[in-house]
N, C-alpha and C. Protein backbone atom coordinates (compact mmCIF):
# COMPACT_ATOMS: atom_id res chain seq x y z
N MET A 1 0.85 -1.18 0.00
CA MET A 1 0.00 0.00 0.00
C MET A 1 0.89 1.23 0.00
N THR A 2 0.50 2.19 -0.80
CA THR A 2 1.24 3.43 -0.89
C THR A 2 0.39 4.56 -0.33
N GLN A 3 1.00 5.71 -0.19
CA GLN A 3 0.27 6.89 0.28
C GLN A 3 -0.87 7.24 -0.68
N ASP A 4 -0.68 6.96 -1.98
CA ASP A 4 -1.71 7.25 -2.96
C ASP A 4 -2.97 6.42 -2.74
N ASP A 5 -2.83 5.26 -2.10
CA ASP A 5 -3.97 4.39 -1.84
C ASP A 5 -4.83 4.88 -0.67
N LEU A 6 -4.27 5.68 0.22
CA LEU A 6 -4.98 6.08 1.43
C LEU A 6 -6.27 6.85 1.18
N PRO A 7 -6.32 7.84 0.30
CA PRO A 7 -7.60 8.52 0.06
C PRO A 7 -8.66 7.57 -0.49
N LYS A 8 -8.27 6.64 -1.35
CA LYS A 8 -9.21 5.68 -1.92
C LYS A 8 -9.80 4.81 -0.81
N ILE A 9 -8.98 4.32 0.08
CA ILE A 9 -9.45 3.50 1.20
C ILE A 9 -10.37 4.32 2.09
N ALA A 10 -10.00 5.54 2.39
CA ALA A 10 -10.83 6.40 3.23
C ALA A 10 -12.18 6.64 2.57
N ASP A 11 -12.22 6.86 1.26
CA ASP A 11 -13.48 7.07 0.55
C ASP A 11 -14.38 5.85 0.63
N GLU A 12 -13.80 4.66 0.49
CA GLU A 12 -14.58 3.43 0.57
C GLU A 12 -15.17 3.27 1.96
N GLU A 13 -14.38 3.54 2.99
CA GLU A 13 -14.86 3.41 4.36
C GLU A 13 -15.97 4.41 4.62
N THR A 14 -15.80 5.65 4.17
CA THR A 14 -16.82 6.68 4.37
C THR A 14 -18.08 6.30 3.62
N GLY A 15 -17.95 5.78 2.42
CA GLY A 15 -19.11 5.38 1.63
C GLY A 15 -19.91 4.28 2.29
N ILE A 16 -19.23 3.28 2.80
CA ILE A 16 -19.90 2.18 3.49
C ILE A 16 -20.56 2.70 4.76
N SER A 17 -19.85 3.51 5.51
CA SER A 17 -20.38 4.07 6.75
C SER A 17 -21.64 4.88 6.48
N SER A 18 -21.57 5.77 5.51
CA SER A 18 -22.71 6.63 5.17
C SER A 18 -23.89 5.82 4.68
N ALA A 19 -23.62 4.84 3.83
CA ALA A 19 -24.70 4.01 3.28
C ALA A 19 -25.38 3.20 4.38
N LEU A 20 -24.60 2.69 5.30
CA LEU A 20 -25.15 1.91 6.40
C LEU A 20 -26.02 2.78 7.30
N ILE A 21 -25.52 3.94 7.65
CA ILE A 21 -26.29 4.87 8.49
C ILE A 21 -27.57 5.29 7.79
N LYS A 22 -27.47 5.63 6.51
CA LYS A 22 -28.63 6.08 5.75
C LYS A 22 -29.70 4.99 5.67
N ALA A 23 -29.29 3.78 5.32
CA ALA A 23 -30.25 2.68 5.20
C ALA A 23 -30.90 2.36 6.55
N ARG A 24 -30.12 2.37 7.60
CA ARG A 24 -30.66 2.10 8.94
C ARG A 24 -31.65 3.17 9.35
N ASN A 25 -31.29 4.44 9.13
CA ASN A 25 -32.17 5.54 9.50
C ASN A 25 -33.45 5.57 8.67
N GLU A 26 -33.36 5.23 7.40
CA GLU A 26 -34.55 5.21 6.54
C GLU A 26 -35.58 4.20 7.04
N LEU A 27 -35.10 3.13 7.65
CA LEU A 27 -36.01 2.13 8.21
C LEU A 27 -36.40 2.45 9.66
N GLY A 28 -35.80 3.50 10.21
CA GLY A 28 -36.12 3.89 11.58
C GLY A 28 -35.58 2.92 12.61
N LEU A 29 -34.46 2.28 12.29
CA LEU A 29 -33.88 1.28 13.19
C LEU A 29 -32.77 1.89 14.04
N THR A 30 -32.67 1.41 15.25
CA THR A 30 -31.52 1.74 16.09
C THR A 30 -30.41 0.76 15.76
N GLN A 31 -29.22 1.05 16.24
CA GLN A 31 -28.12 0.10 16.06
C GLN A 31 -28.44 -1.22 16.74
N ALA A 32 -29.08 -1.17 17.89
CA ALA A 32 -29.45 -2.39 18.61
C ALA A 32 -30.45 -3.22 17.81
N GLN A 33 -31.42 -2.56 17.19
CA GLN A 33 -32.40 -3.28 16.38
C GLN A 33 -31.75 -3.91 15.15
N LEU A 34 -30.86 -3.17 14.51
CA LEU A 34 -30.14 -3.72 13.36
C LEU A 34 -29.28 -4.90 13.79
N SER A 35 -28.72 -4.80 14.96
CA SER A 35 -27.92 -5.89 15.50
C SER A 35 -28.76 -7.16 15.63
N GLU A 36 -29.95 -7.01 16.19
CA GLU A 36 -30.84 -8.17 16.36
C GLU A 36 -31.25 -8.75 15.02
N LEU A 37 -31.57 -7.90 14.07
CA LEU A 37 -32.01 -8.37 12.75
C LEU A 37 -30.90 -9.05 11.96
N SER A 38 -29.69 -8.55 12.09
CA SER A 38 -28.57 -9.03 11.27
C SER A 38 -27.74 -10.12 11.94
N GLY A 39 -27.82 -10.20 13.27
CA GLY A 39 -26.97 -11.15 13.99
C GLY A 39 -25.55 -10.63 14.17
N ILE A 40 -25.33 -9.35 13.92
CA ILE A 40 -24.02 -8.72 14.08
C ILE A 40 -24.09 -7.87 15.35
N SER A 41 -23.05 -7.90 16.14
CA SER A 41 -23.08 -7.17 17.42
C SER A 41 -23.27 -5.68 17.21
N ARG A 42 -23.91 -5.05 18.19
CA ARG A 42 -24.13 -3.61 18.12
C ARG A 42 -22.80 -2.88 18.09
N SER A 43 -21.82 -3.37 18.83
CA SER A 43 -20.52 -2.70 18.84
C SER A 43 -19.85 -2.77 17.47
N ALA A 44 -20.04 -3.87 16.75
CA ALA A 44 -19.47 -3.98 15.40
C ALA A 44 -20.17 -3.00 14.46
N ILE A 45 -21.49 -2.90 14.56
CA ILE A 45 -22.23 -1.96 13.72
C ILE A 45 -21.76 -0.53 13.99
N LYS A 46 -21.57 -0.21 15.26
CA LYS A 46 -21.10 1.12 15.63
C LYS A 46 -19.74 1.41 14.99
N VAL A 47 -18.85 0.44 15.03
CA VAL A 47 -17.52 0.60 14.44
C VAL A 47 -17.61 0.79 12.92
N TYR A 48 -18.50 0.04 12.26
CA TYR A 48 -18.67 0.19 10.82
C TYR A 48 -19.21 1.58 10.49
N GLU A 49 -20.16 2.05 11.30
CA GLU A 49 -20.76 3.36 11.04
C GLU A 49 -19.80 4.51 11.29
N THR A 50 -18.86 4.33 12.21
CA THR A 50 -17.88 5.39 12.45
C THR A 50 -16.72 5.31 11.48
N GLY A 51 -16.63 4.21 10.73
CA GLY A 51 -15.56 4.04 9.75
C GLY A 51 -14.24 3.59 10.34
N ARG A 52 -14.26 3.16 11.59
CA ARG A 52 -13.01 2.70 12.20
C ARG A 52 -12.62 1.31 11.76
N ASN A 53 -13.57 0.58 11.18
CA ASN A 53 -13.30 -0.76 10.68
C ASN A 53 -14.28 -1.06 9.57
N MET A 54 -13.91 -1.98 8.71
CA MET A 54 -14.76 -2.39 7.60
C MET A 54 -15.37 -3.75 7.91
N PRO A 55 -16.57 -4.00 7.40
CA PRO A 55 -17.17 -5.33 7.59
C PRO A 55 -16.32 -6.40 6.93
N GLY A 56 -16.36 -7.59 7.50
CA GLY A 56 -15.63 -8.72 6.93
C GLY A 56 -16.41 -9.32 5.76
N ALA A 57 -16.17 -10.59 5.50
CA ALA A 57 -16.77 -11.25 4.34
C ALA A 57 -18.25 -11.56 4.52
N ARG A 58 -18.69 -11.95 5.71
CA ARG A 58 -20.09 -12.35 5.90
C ARG A 58 -21.01 -11.20 6.29
N GLU A 59 -20.47 -10.17 6.86
CA GLU A 59 -21.29 -9.08 7.40
C GLU A 59 -22.09 -8.32 6.35
N PRO A 60 -21.53 -7.97 5.20
CA PRO A 60 -22.34 -7.21 4.22
C PRO A 60 -23.62 -7.94 3.82
N LYS A 61 -23.55 -9.25 3.63
CA LYS A 61 -24.73 -10.01 3.25
C LYS A 61 -25.78 -9.96 4.36
N ALA A 62 -25.35 -10.13 5.61
CA ALA A 62 -26.28 -10.09 6.74
C ALA A 62 -26.89 -8.70 6.89
N LEU A 63 -26.09 -7.67 6.71
CA LEU A 63 -26.60 -6.30 6.81
C LEU A 63 -27.57 -5.99 5.69
N CYS A 64 -27.24 -6.38 4.47
CA CYS A 64 -28.13 -6.14 3.33
C CYS A 64 -29.45 -6.86 3.53
N ARG A 65 -29.41 -8.07 4.01
CA ARG A 65 -30.63 -8.83 4.25
C ARG A 65 -31.48 -8.12 5.30
N ALA A 66 -30.86 -7.70 6.39
CA ALA A 66 -31.58 -7.03 7.48
C ALA A 66 -32.15 -5.69 7.04
N LEU A 67 -31.44 -5.02 6.15
CA LEU A 67 -31.88 -3.68 5.69
C LEU A 67 -32.70 -3.73 4.40
N SER A 68 -32.91 -4.93 3.89
CA SER A 68 -33.67 -5.13 2.64
C SER A 68 -33.09 -4.34 1.47
N VAL A 69 -31.79 -4.39 1.34
CA VAL A 69 -31.12 -3.73 0.21
C VAL A 69 -30.31 -4.74 -0.56
């Protein structure tokens, strides 16, 4: 990874974070409710929404299913 890759990674993280927050809010769900629906811990959802970490391989599918996207 080079310095040139850093803005691209940051954009991807921000995009995922924003999309997750937007989809959750559109359904009127709390992080705790999304956690229950997706089977992903509330703390993990919080970390994804703040952009401090990216979802792994199984999480996007569970989140999409829970959010109907």
